Amino acid sequence: MSATGGEYLTAMLDVLVYENVLVAWRRAPGGHLIVTHEGEEIRLTAQQAGMWAQGAFAVYLALVDQRRITPRIPGDTTSQ
């Protein structure tokens, strides 16, 4: 994974944690470890983590777009 791709993945995972979609994530030998709200620890390669995060982020954005959830992102000035 390129440096830019790695930074993009890091940003997506950070937002998913901030928005309470995930409990936590961290880099692990050979990839990433993602912790779900069910307490599962999912070990993924960097490529798998990238695909997983893109899917989770797409679902998150779809729910925001449908106004089913409200984002907590600081500085968001959209009216509710």
Protein backbone atom coordinates (compact mmCIF):
# COMPACT_ATOMS: atom_id res chain seq x y z
CA MET A 1 0.00 0.00 0.00
CA SER A 2 1.38 3.41 -0.92
CA ALA A 3 2.01 6.10 1.69
CA THR A 4 -0.97 8.05 0.38
CA GLY A 5 -3.12 4.91 0.47
CA GLY A 6 -1.97 4.20 4.01
CA GLU A 7 -2.79 7.74 5.12
CA TYR A 8 -6.21 7.47 3.47
CA LEU A 9 -6.90 4.19 5.28
CA THR A 10 -5.74 5.68 8.59
CA ALA A 11 -8.05 8.67 8.11
CA MET A 12 -11.06 6.47 7.27
CA LEU A 13 -10.46 4.22 10.28
CA ASP A 14 -10.00 7.24 12.56
CA VAL A 15 -13.31 8.72 11.38
CA LEU A 16 -15.09 5.38 11.86
CA VAL A 17 -13.84 5.25 15.46
CA TYR A 18 -14.70 8.91 16.09
CA GLU A 19 -18.19 8.39 14.68
CA ASN A 20 -18.61 5.30 16.93
CA VAL A 21 -18.85 2.82 14.05
CA LEU A 22 -15.81 0.98 15.45
CA VAL A 23 -14.50 0.70 18.98
CA ALA A 24 -10.82 0.90 18.02
CA TRP A 25 -8.17 -0.02 15.48
CA ARG A 26 -4.41 -0.29 15.43
CA ARG A 27 -1.61 -1.39 13.19
CA ALA A 28 -0.57 -4.96 13.81
CA PRO A 29 2.19 -7.13 12.35
CA GLY A 30 1.21 -7.79 8.75
CA GLY A 31 -1.74 -5.39 8.69
CA HIS A 32 -4.36 -3.97 11.02
CA LEU A 33 -6.46 -5.05 14.00
CA ILE A 34 -10.03 -3.73 14.09
CA VAL A 35 -12.18 -3.98 17.23
CA THR A 36 -15.97 -4.09 16.78
CA HIS A 37 -18.71 -3.20 19.26
CA GLU A 38 -19.35 -6.92 19.70
CA GLY A 39 -15.83 -7.25 21.09
CA GLU A 40 -14.48 -9.04 18.04
CA GLU A 41 -10.88 -8.39 17.08
CA ILE A 42 -10.51 -8.72 13.34
CA ARG A 43 -6.98 -9.10 11.94
CA LEU A 44 -6.70 -7.96 8.34
CA THR A 45 -3.89 -7.42 5.88
CA ALA A 46 -3.44 -3.82 4.77
CA GLN A 47 -5.27 -4.61 1.52
CA GLN A 48 -8.16 -6.33 3.33
CA ALA A 49 -8.38 -3.48 5.86
CA GLY A 50 -8.55 -1.00 2.98
CA MET A 51 -11.43 -2.84 1.31
CA TRP A 52 -13.23 -3.33 4.64
CA ALA A 53 -12.85 0.33 5.62
CA GLN A 54 -14.07 1.54 2.21
CA GLY A 55 -17.20 -0.58 2.58
CA ALA A 56 -17.86 0.50 6.16
CA PHE A 57 -17.23 4.13 5.26
CA ALA A 58 -19.59 3.90 2.27
CA VAL A 59 -22.36 2.55 4.53
CA TYR A 60 -21.67 5.31 7.08
CA LEU A 61 -21.86 8.00 4.36
CA ALA A 62 -25.07 6.49 2.95
CA LEU A 63 -26.71 6.62 6.39
CA VAL A 64 -25.63 10.25 6.81
CA ASP A 65 -26.92 11.07 3.32
CA GLN A 66 -30.27 9.46 4.14
CA ARG A 67 -30.34 11.46 7.39
CA ARG A 68 -30.68 8.24 9.37
CA ILE A 69 -27.70 9.27 11.49
CA THR A 70 -26.13 12.64 12.25
CA PRO A 71 -22.34 12.95 11.91
CA ARG A 72 -20.36 14.21 14.90
CA ILE A 73 -17.52 15.63 12.82
CA PRO A 74 -16.28 18.89 14.42
CA GLY A 75 -16.96 22.04 12.45
CA ASP A 76 -19.98 20.55 10.69
CA THR A 77 -22.25 23.54 10.09
CA THR A 78 -25.07 21.80 8.24
CA SER A 79 -28.45 22.43 9.80
CA GLN A 80 -30.27 19.45 11.18
